[in-house]
Amino acid sequence: MIKNGAKVLVVGQGAREHALAWALSRSPHVAQVTVAPGNAGTLREPHVQNIPLTPIQVDAIAQYSEEEHMDLVVVGPEVPLVAGLVDRLDQLGIASVGPSSALAQLEGSKIHCKRFCEAHSIPTAPARIHTDLKEALKDIASRKEPIVVKASGLCAGKGVVVAETQDEAEAAARSLFSLPAAREGILVETCIQGWETSYIVLAHGTAYLAWPSAQDHKRLLSGNRGPNTGGMGALSPSPRMTPALENRIRESIIEPTLDAFVKAHTPYRGFLYAGIMVDAHGEPHLLEFNCRLGDPEAQALLFRLESDLYEMLETAARGNLKTYTSHWKRDPVLAVVLASPGYPGSSPTGVPISGLDGPEEPFVKIFHAATRSGPVAPLTDGGRVLSVTATGADIDTARQRVYARIEQIAFAGMQFRGDIGLVGIS
């Protein structure tokens, strides 16, 4: 039975966590949502409060959860998962949504993930692992362009370079080897040509609940130009997803992964995000696994959700997903990220944001990411600042609503893509 008057902790401070807190606070079962540390947007939500604990303070978050008798902890970002927050919560008997540290290595180590895929026949790009720069450069020199170069560790979505020339690939290898995320090494892999989509499930053991498809937009600039980012926009559903392709993704990628963990007596619990490249023959290949909701996919997906998010997540945490049916709005949703100047590099902070006050139309929602409260208006606090999200009867209507709302928002140096949701753009 689902508890009423529940207390929920959301760990993280981005737009994904704002969307989670917003959706959870709408549940009639939830009395209070706490976000650690949250942002200026979460502070504006009814029944939501922030606490000054950062995601890397694993022991402090676990202690707080125990002292405050949290009924559920939802871990947003990858860093606390890899650091073992769920393991600590399990030790304390606190229900949570997220995998153990060992299973989160699917995201924490691209080398581990590649070896896992090879061991379990999960379709992915052929790759070579390098711990020596000279060997990596020799490998690059033997390949045809384009070439994919990846740092093995966590890079907040920015540790992958799709190089169009060998010179660019060599420069990427030199640059990535200088990062802490390449301590374990880098991967040089074949670039699979096609179109990209995101596929997210909520799992416990071999039981899983598939969320609607979504399409992320990684490149910084319109027309898929510029460097990779953590994501500049998302659309749900993915325009080119079909039932047949969805079944293929489940059968060849999702189910073998969950089965492998159960057979190893380490059942997976939480969100599993598969970044997919669909080749010219319509076959899906795994680009990467994330062990949490994507961002900005989460903003689009949670705005489509009709079911009670607390009921869904509590059911997943307790292992009863086989009995759960979810409901989603049919209309598409578009999310567009507004970023600070300099992103995905270093960005100024403390810049006032205008145009956020006043009532919103029910078809529009602004999710805050890198923001903090200021004396007059919210201030920027990092790279990706806001996710402007809207729905409509069709993609064009959703696009018009998103970009009309963006025109009312301003902060110095604000940058965003103007092509999110256009057909053929991924």
Protein backbone atom coordinates (compact mmCIF):
# COMPACT_ATOMS: atom_id res chain seq x y z
CA MET A 1 0.00 0.00 0.00
CA ILE A 2 1.28 3.48 -0.93
CA LYS A 3 1.90 5.67 2.10
CA ASN A 4 0.25 9.08 2.45
CA GLY A 5 2.09 12.05 3.91
CA ALA A 6 5.37 10.79 2.43
CA LYS A 7 8.67 12.65 2.68
CA VAL A 8 10.88 12.46 -0.41
CA LEU A 9 14.46 13.58 -0.94
CA VAL A 10 15.69 14.43 -4.45
CA VAL A 11 19.48 14.58 -4.79
CA GLY A 12 20.84 17.08 -7.31
CA GLN A 13 20.57 20.65 -8.47
CA GLY A 14 19.85 20.66 -12.20
CA ALA A 15 16.77 20.93 -14.36
CA ARG A 16 16.29 17.16 -14.15
CA GLU A 17 16.04 17.44 -10.36
CA HIS A 18 13.70 20.43 -10.61
CA ALA A 19 11.46 18.36 -12.90
CA LEU A 20 11.57 15.40 -10.50
CA ALA A 21 10.75 17.59 -7.49
CA TRP A 22 7.93 19.32 -9.37
CA ALA A 23 6.37 16.02 -10.47
CA LEU A 24 6.75 14.42 -7.04
CA SER A 25 5.23 17.44 -5.27
CA ARG A 26 2.07 17.02 -7.35
CA SER A 27 1.40 13.58 -5.87
CA PRO A 28 -1.40 13.49 -3.27
CA HIS A 29 0.71 10.95 -1.35
CA VAL A 30 3.60 13.40 -0.83
CA ALA A 31 3.65 15.91 2.02
CA GLN A 32 7.14 17.34 1.47
CA VAL A 33 9.85 17.18 -1.17
CA THR A 34 13.37 18.16 -0.15
CA VAL A 35 16.09 18.82 -2.73
CA ALA A 36 19.80 18.60 -1.98
CA PRO A 37 20.87 21.23 -2.85
CA GLY A 38 18.26 22.33 -5.40
CA ASN A 39 18.21 25.69 -7.17
CA ALA A 40 16.18 28.90 -7.44
CA GLY A 41 13.44 27.05 -9.34
CA THR A 42 12.89 24.29 -6.80
CA LEU A 43 12.51 26.98 -4.14
CA ARG A 44 9.55 28.36 -6.07
CA GLU A 45 7.60 25.07 -6.06
CA PRO A 46 4.86 24.46 -3.44
CA HIS A 47 5.74 21.79 -0.85
CA VAL A 48 9.41 21.83 -1.93
CA GLN A 49 12.39 22.94 0.13
CA ASN A 50 16.15 23.04 -0.46
CA ILE A 51 18.90 21.93 1.90
CA PRO A 52 22.60 22.90 1.56
CA LEU A 53 24.00 19.44 0.85
CA THR A 54 25.77 18.78 -2.45
CA PRO A 55 25.49 15.46 -4.33
CA ILE A 56 29.07 14.48 -3.46
CA GLN A 57 28.32 14.61 0.29
CA VAL A 58 27.22 10.99 0.29
CA ASP A 59 27.55 10.29 4.02
CA ALA A 60 25.84 13.56 4.98
CA ILE A 61 22.92 12.88 2.64
CA ALA A 62 22.51 9.36 3.99
CA GLN A 63 22.62 10.66 7.57
CA TYR A 64 20.07 13.38 6.78
CA SER A 65 17.77 10.82 5.15
CA GLU A 66 17.89 8.67 8.26
CA GLU A 67 17.43 11.52 10.73
CA GLU A 68 14.51 13.00 8.78
CA HIS A 69 12.87 9.59 8.19
CA MET A 70 12.74 9.96 4.43
CA ASP A 71 10.33 7.53 2.80
CA LEU A 72 12.08 7.66 -0.57
CA VAL A 73 15.34 9.05 -1.94
CA VAL A 74 15.60 9.75 -5.68
CA VAL A 75 19.16 10.20 -6.91
CA GLY A 76 19.33 12.50 -9.93
CA PRO A 77 22.98 12.79 -11.09
CA GLU A 78 25.57 10.13 -11.76
CA VAL A 79 28.33 11.19 -9.35
CA PRO A 80 26.61 10.16 -6.08
CA LEU A 81 25.54 6.87 -7.67
CA VAL A 82 29.12 6.00 -8.58
CA ALA A 83 30.23 7.21 -5.12
CA GLY A 84 27.91 4.70 -3.43
CA LEU A 85 25.00 6.74 -2.09
CA VAL A 86 22.48 3.97 -2.80
CA ASP A 87 24.72 1.47 -1.01
CA ARG A 88 24.68 3.67 2.10
CA LEU A 89 20.90 4.09 1.93
CA ASP A 90 20.45 0.33 1.57
CA GLN A 91 22.52 -0.20 4.69
CA LEU A 92 20.18 2.15 6.55
CA GLY A 93 17.02 0.52 5.19
CA ILE A 94 15.93 3.64 3.29
CA ALA A 95 14.08 3.09 0.00
CA SER A 96 15.79 4.66 -2.99
CA VAL A 97 15.76 4.85 -6.77
CA GLY A 98 19.17 4.18 -8.26
CA PRO A 99 21.70 1.37 -8.72
CA SER A 100 24.55 0.39 -6.43
CA SER A 101 28.02 1.82 -6.97
CA ALA A 102 29.16 -1.40 -8.65
CA LEU A 103 26.32 -1.35 -11.17
CA ALA A 104 26.67 2.41 -11.74
CA GLN A 105 30.07 1.62 -13.29
CA LEU A 106 28.08 1.05 -16.48
CA GLU A 107 28.13 4.84 -16.66
CA GLY A 108 31.13 5.58 -14.48
CA SER A 109 33.54 3.68 -16.72
CA LYS A 110 33.12 3.55 -20.49
CA ILE A 111 35.79 0.86 -20.58
CA HIS A 112 33.77 -1.26 -18.16
CA CYS A 113 30.63 -0.65 -20.21
CA LYS A 114 32.33 -1.63 -23.47
CA ARG A 115 33.63 -4.85 -21.94
CA PHE A 116 30.19 -5.58 -20.48
CA CYS A 117 28.57 -5.15 -23.90
CA GLU A 118 31.12 -7.39 -25.57
CA ALA A 119 30.67 -10.08 -22.90
CA HIS A 120 26.89 -10.09 -23.28
CA SER A 121 26.60 -9.61 -27.07
CA ILE A 122 24.97 -6.20 -26.79
CA PRO A 123 25.36 -4.37 -30.13
CA THR A 124 27.79 -1.49 -29.85
CA ALA A 125 30.57 0.12 -31.87
CA PRO A 126 33.86 -1.80 -32.12
CA ALA A 127 36.49 -0.04 -30.00
CA ARG A 128 40.06 -0.28 -28.78
CA ILE A 129 41.06 0.70 -25.26
CA HIS A 130 44.23 2.73 -24.77
CA THR A 131 46.15 3.69 -21.67
CA ASP A 132 49.08 5.08 -23.68
CA LEU A 133 48.83 8.20 -25.86
CA LYS A 134 51.33 6.95 -28.45
CA GLU A 135 49.32 3.76 -28.98
CA ALA A 136 46.11 5.76 -29.26
CA LEU A 137 47.63 8.04 -31.89
CA LYS A 138 48.88 5.03 -33.83
CA ASP A 139 45.36 3.55 -33.74
CA ILE A 140 43.83 6.83 -34.92
CA ALA A 141 46.28 7.03 -37.83
CA SER A 142 45.07 3.63 -39.07
CA ARG A 143 41.38 4.58 -39.17
CA LYS A 144 39.04 6.25 -41.63
CA GLU A 145 37.12 9.31 -40.57
CA PRO A 146 34.93 10.08 -38.72
CA ILE A 147 36.53 8.69 -35.54
CA VAL A 148 35.02 8.63 -32.06
CA VAL A 149 37.32 9.33 -29.09
CA LYS A 150 36.04 8.91 -25.52
CA ALA A 151 37.45 9.43 -22.06
CA SER A 152 36.51 6.46 -19.90
CA GLY A 153 35.36 8.32 -16.78
CA LEU A 154 32.60 10.77 -15.94
CA CYS A 155 32.73 14.02 -17.93
CA ALA A 156 29.18 15.41 -17.47
CA GLY A 157 28.30 14.44 -21.04
CA LYS A 158 31.31 16.24 -22.53
CA GLY A 159 33.94 13.47 -22.70
CA VAL A 160 33.10 12.29 -26.23
CA VAL A 161 34.50 13.76 -29.45
CA VAL A 162 33.24 12.77 -32.89
CA ALA A 163 36.22 13.80 -35.00
CA GLU A 164 35.73 14.53 -38.69
CA THR A 165 39.48 14.39 -39.45
CA GLN A 166 42.48 12.51 -38.10
CA ASP A 167 44.02 15.77 -36.90
CA GLU A 168 40.87 16.49 -34.90
CA ALA A 169 40.89 12.96 -33.47
CA GLU A 170 44.56 13.26 -32.48
CA ALA A 171 43.90 16.60 -30.79
CA ALA A 172 40.94 15.03 -28.95
CA ALA A 173 43.09 12.14 -27.71
CA ARG A 174 45.76 14.52 -26.41
CA SER A 175 43.15 16.69 -24.72
CA LEU A 176 41.18 13.81 -23.16
CA PHE A 177 44.32 12.14 -21.82
CA SER A 178 44.96 15.28 -19.75
CA LEU A 179 41.62 14.88 -17.90
CA PRO A 180 41.08 13.01 -14.62
CA ALA A 181 38.32 11.12 -16.47
CA ALA A 182 41.01 9.44 -18.61
CA ARG A 183 42.87 8.03 -15.62
CA GLU A 184 41.62 4.58 -16.64
CA GLY A 185 42.27 5.28 -20.33
CA ILE A 186 40.43 6.33 -23.47
CA LEU A 187 38.52 4.50 -26.19
CA VAL A 188 38.96 4.95 -29.92
CA GLU A 189 36.03 3.49 -31.74
CA THR A 190 34.30 3.18 -35.07
CA CYS A 191 31.72 5.88 -35.76
CA ILE A 192 28.35 4.30 -36.52
CA GLN A 193 26.46 6.53 -38.95
CA GLY A 194 22.74 7.00 -38.47
CA TRP A 195 20.35 8.84 -36.21
CA GLU A 196 20.34 9.04 -32.43
CA THR A 197 17.61 8.42 -29.88
CA SER A 198 17.31 7.97 -26.13
CA TYR A 199 15.53 5.04 -24.53
CA ILE A 200 14.91 5.03 -20.79
CA VAL A 201 13.45 2.35 -18.56
CA LEU A 202 12.73 2.17 -14.85
CA ALA A 203 13.82 -1.26 -13.67
CA HIS A 204 14.00 -3.59 -10.71
CA GLY A 205 15.58 -6.92 -11.57
CA THR A 206 14.26 -8.14 -14.92
CA ALA A 207 10.99 -6.23 -14.54
CA TYR A 208 11.04 -2.83 -16.17
CA LEU A 209 8.76 0.01 -17.15
CA ALA A 210 9.64 1.56 -20.51
CA TRP A 211 9.29 5.34 -20.66
CA PRO A 212 8.37 7.05 -23.94
CA SER A 213 11.20 7.60 -26.39
CA ALA A 214 13.05 10.91 -26.51
CA GLN A 215 15.57 12.56 -28.80
CA ASP A 216 18.46 14.50 -27.28
CA HIS A 217 20.44 17.22 -29.08
CA LYS A 218 24.07 17.03 -27.92
CA ARG A 219 25.84 19.55 -30.15
CA LEU A 220 26.04 23.14 -28.95
CA LEU A 221 24.98 24.89 -32.15
CA SER A 222 22.06 24.66 -34.55
CA GLY A 223 22.55 22.25 -37.42
CA ASN A 224 24.41 19.84 -35.13
CA ARG A 225 27.56 21.94 -35.19
CA GLY A 226 30.02 22.72 -32.43
CA PRO A 227 31.23 20.66 -29.48
CA ASN A 228 29.27 18.03 -27.60
CA THR A 229 27.47 19.22 -24.49
CA GLY A 230 25.39 17.71 -21.72
CA GLY A 231 22.38 18.33 -24.00
CA MET A 232 20.89 21.47 -25.57
CA GLY A 233 17.33 20.27 -26.02
CA ALA A 234 15.06 17.26 -26.21
CA LEU A 235 11.90 16.10 -27.92
CA SER A 236 9.54 13.34 -26.85
CA PRO A 237 8.51 11.15 -28.53
CA SER A 238 11.46 10.60 -30.83
CA PRO A 239 9.99 11.36 -34.29
CA ARG A 240 11.47 8.30 -36.01
CA MET A 241 10.81 5.73 -33.29
CA THR A 242 8.55 2.85 -34.36
CA PRO A 243 7.04 -0.05 -32.36
CA ALA A 244 9.28 -2.48 -34.25
CA LEU A 245 12.43 -0.49 -33.42
CA GLU A 246 11.37 -0.14 -29.80
CA ASN A 247 10.96 -3.91 -29.54
CA ARG A 248 14.39 -4.40 -31.10
CA ILE A 249 15.98 -2.05 -28.54
CA ARG A 250 14.34 -3.92 -25.69
CA GLU A 251 15.28 -7.36 -26.99
CA SER A 252 18.87 -6.63 -28.00
CA ILE A 253 19.96 -4.04 -25.40
CA ILE A 254 17.68 -3.53 -22.38
CA GLU A 255 16.67 -7.10 -21.56
CA PRO A 256 20.11 -8.73 -21.99
CA THR A 257 21.55 -6.08 -19.66
CA LEU A 258 18.99 -6.60 -16.92
CA ASP A 259 19.17 -10.39 -17.33
CA ALA A 260 22.97 -10.32 -16.95
CA PHE A 261 22.77 -8.50 -13.62
CA VAL A 262 20.13 -10.88 -12.25
CA LYS A 263 22.22 -13.90 -13.29
CA ALA A 264 25.17 -12.32 -11.46
CA HIS A 265 22.96 -11.99 -8.33
CA THR A 266 23.20 -8.19 -8.50
CA PRO A 267 19.76 -7.08 -9.75
CA TYR A 268 19.61 -3.57 -11.17
CA ARG A 269 17.31 -1.01 -9.54
CA GLY A 270 16.55 2.45 -10.90
CA PHE A 271 16.64 4.25 -14.22
CA LEU A 272 18.63 2.78 -17.08
CA TYR A 273 19.20 5.15 -19.99
CA ALA A 274 20.40 3.77 -23.31
CA GLY A 275 21.84 6.23 -25.80
CA ILE A 276 21.12 4.56 -29.15
CA MET A 277 22.43 5.05 -32.68
CA VAL A 278 20.16 3.56 -35.34
CA ASP A 279 22.16 2.64 -38.45
CA ALA A 280 21.16 2.79 -42.11
CA HIS A 281 19.63 -0.70 -41.86
CA GLY A 282 17.41 0.29 -38.93
CA GLU A 283 19.49 -1.66 -36.39
CA PRO A 284 20.09 -0.09 -32.95
CA HIS A 285 23.59 0.13 -31.47
CA LEU A 286 24.37 1.20 -27.91
CA LEU A 287 26.41 4.40 -27.69
CA GLU A 288 26.42 4.59 -23.89
CA PHE A 289 24.52 3.63 -20.78
CA ASN A 290 23.56 6.17 -18.16
CA CYS A 291 22.32 4.97 -14.79
CA ARG A 292 19.84 7.79 -14.26
CA LEU A 293 17.36 9.94 -16.13
CA GLY A 294 18.82 11.96 -18.97
CA ASP A 295 18.89 15.74 -18.90
CA PRO A 296 17.16 17.41 -20.80
CA GLU A 297 15.14 14.27 -21.65
CA ALA A 298 13.79 14.18 -18.09
CA GLN A 299 12.21 17.60 -18.46
CA ALA A 300 10.34 16.61 -21.61
CA LEU A 301 9.33 13.19 -20.29
CA LEU A 302 8.15 14.32 -16.87
CA PHE A 303 6.04 17.05 -18.49
CA ARG A 304 4.31 14.26 -20.47
CA LEU A 305 3.70 12.06 -17.43
CA GLU A 306 0.08 11.59 -16.35
CA SER A 307 0.73 8.91 -13.72
CA ASP A 308 1.63 9.68 -10.11
CA LEU A 309 5.45 9.80 -10.09
CA TYR A 310 5.69 8.95 -6.39
CA GLU A 311 3.57 5.83 -6.87
CA MET A 312 5.74 4.79 -9.81
CA LEU A 313 9.09 5.32 -8.08
CA GLU A 314 7.97 3.81 -4.78
CA THR A 315 6.73 0.75 -6.66
CA ALA A 316 10.11 0.45 -8.40
CA ALA A 317 12.02 0.84 -5.14
CA ARG A 318 9.96 -1.95 -3.53
CA GLY A 319 10.26 -4.30 -6.50
CA ASN A 320 6.63 -4.44 -7.61
CA LEU A 321 6.94 -3.08 -11.16
CA LYS A 322 5.25 -6.09 -12.76
CA THR A 323 1.94 -4.84 -11.33
CA TYR A 324 2.33 -1.21 -12.44
CA THR A 325 0.91 0.48 -15.54
CA SER A 326 1.99 4.01 -16.46
CA HIS A 327 0.05 6.66 -18.39
CA TRP A 328 1.46 9.42 -20.59
CA LYS A 329 0.04 12.36 -22.51
CA ARG A 330 -0.14 11.71 -26.24
CA ASP A 331 0.91 15.23 -27.22
CA PRO A 332 4.63 15.77 -27.91
CA VAL A 333 6.83 17.85 -25.60
CA LEU A 334 9.81 19.99 -26.49
CA ALA A 335 12.53 21.22 -24.08
CA VAL A 336 15.10 23.84 -25.08
CA VAL A 337 18.14 24.63 -22.93
CA LEU A 338 19.24 28.22 -22.34
CA ALA A 339 22.96 28.27 -21.56
CA SER A 340 25.49 30.78 -20.30
CA PRO A 341 28.16 32.26 -22.59
CA GLY A 342 31.23 30.04 -22.76
CA TYR A 343 29.31 26.79 -22.21
CA PRO A 344 30.37 23.95 -22.49
CA GLY A 345 33.57 25.56 -21.21
CA SER A 346 33.76 27.84 -18.18
CA SER A 347 30.87 30.28 -17.75
CA PRO A 348 30.28 33.44 -15.73
CA THR A 349 27.94 33.19 -12.76
CA GLY A 350 25.83 35.64 -10.81
CA VAL A 351 24.20 37.15 -13.91
CA PRO A 352 20.59 38.34 -13.34
CA ILE A 353 17.85 36.54 -15.29
CA SER A 354 14.77 38.50 -16.38
CA GLY A 355 11.42 37.33 -17.69
CA LEU A 356 10.72 34.51 -15.24
CA ASP A 357 8.01 36.09 -13.11
CA GLY A 358 4.27 35.98 -13.64
CA PRO A 359 1.80 33.14 -14.17
CA GLU A 360 2.62 30.51 -16.79
CA GLU A 361 0.29 28.97 -19.33
CA PRO A 362 -0.51 25.32 -18.48
CA PHE A 363 1.26 24.14 -21.63
CA VAL A 364 4.60 25.76 -20.66
CA LYS A 365 6.98 25.00 -17.79
CA ILE A 366 10.41 26.49 -17.05
CA PHE A 367 12.72 24.12 -15.22
CA HIS A 368 15.73 25.73 -13.56
CA ALA A 369 19.19 24.20 -13.78
CA ALA A 370 22.20 26.35 -12.88
CA THR A 371 20.39 29.10 -10.98
CA ARG A 372 20.49 30.56 -7.49
CA SER A 373 18.33 33.12 -5.76
CA GLY A 374 19.29 36.78 -6.01
CA PRO A 375 18.12 39.94 -4.24
CA VAL A 376 15.77 40.89 -7.09
CA ALA A 377 15.73 38.05 -9.62
CA PRO A 378 17.28 34.59 -9.97
CA LEU A 379 20.95 34.55 -10.96
CA THR A 380 22.87 32.24 -13.28
CA ASP A 381 25.07 29.72 -11.49
CA GLY A 382 26.78 27.69 -14.21
CA GLY A 383 26.55 26.47 -17.80
CA ARG A 384 23.07 25.15 -18.56
CA VAL A 385 20.77 27.66 -16.86
CA LEU A 386 17.15 26.86 -17.79
CA SER A 387 15.09 24.32 -19.72
CA VAL A 388 12.05 25.94 -21.33
CA THR A 389 9.54 23.14 -21.88
CA ALA A 390 6.22 23.12 -23.74
CA THR A 391 3.64 20.75 -25.14
CA GLY A 392 1.25 21.03 -28.06
CA ALA A 393 -1.05 19.01 -30.28
CA ASP A 394 1.89 18.56 -32.67
CA ILE A 395 5.62 19.26 -32.75
CA ASP A 396 5.20 22.59 -34.58
CA THR A 397 2.80 23.89 -31.93
CA ALA A 398 5.12 22.83 -29.13
CA ARG A 399 8.04 24.52 -30.95
CA GLN A 400 6.13 27.77 -31.36
CA ARG A 401 5.20 27.82 -27.69
CA VAL A 402 8.75 27.11 -26.50
CA TYR A 403 10.41 29.75 -28.63
CA ALA A 404 7.71 32.34 -27.92
CA ARG A 405 8.40 31.88 -24.20
CA ILE A 406 12.17 32.06 -24.75
CA GLU A 407 11.74 35.49 -26.37
CA GLN A 408 10.56 36.81 -22.99
CA ILE A 409 13.64 35.58 -21.09
CA ALA A 410 17.01 37.30 -21.04
CA PHE A 411 20.41 37.19 -19.38
CA ALA A 412 23.74 38.46 -20.66
CA GLY A 413 25.26 36.15 -23.27
CA MET A 414 22.31 33.73 -23.31
CA GLN A 415 22.76 31.04 -25.98
CA PHE A 416 20.43 28.33 -27.25
CA ARG A 417 19.72 26.26 -30.33
CA GLY A 418 16.95 27.45 -32.60
CA ASP A 419 16.36 24.13 -34.36
CA ILE A 420 15.16 21.81 -31.60
CA GLY A 421 12.29 19.70 -32.89
CA LEU A 422 12.87 20.32 -36.59
CA VAL A 423 12.48 17.15 -38.67
CA GLY A 424 15.80 15.53 -39.55
CA ILE A 425 17.76 17.22 -36.75
CA SER A 426 19.13 14.93 -34.01
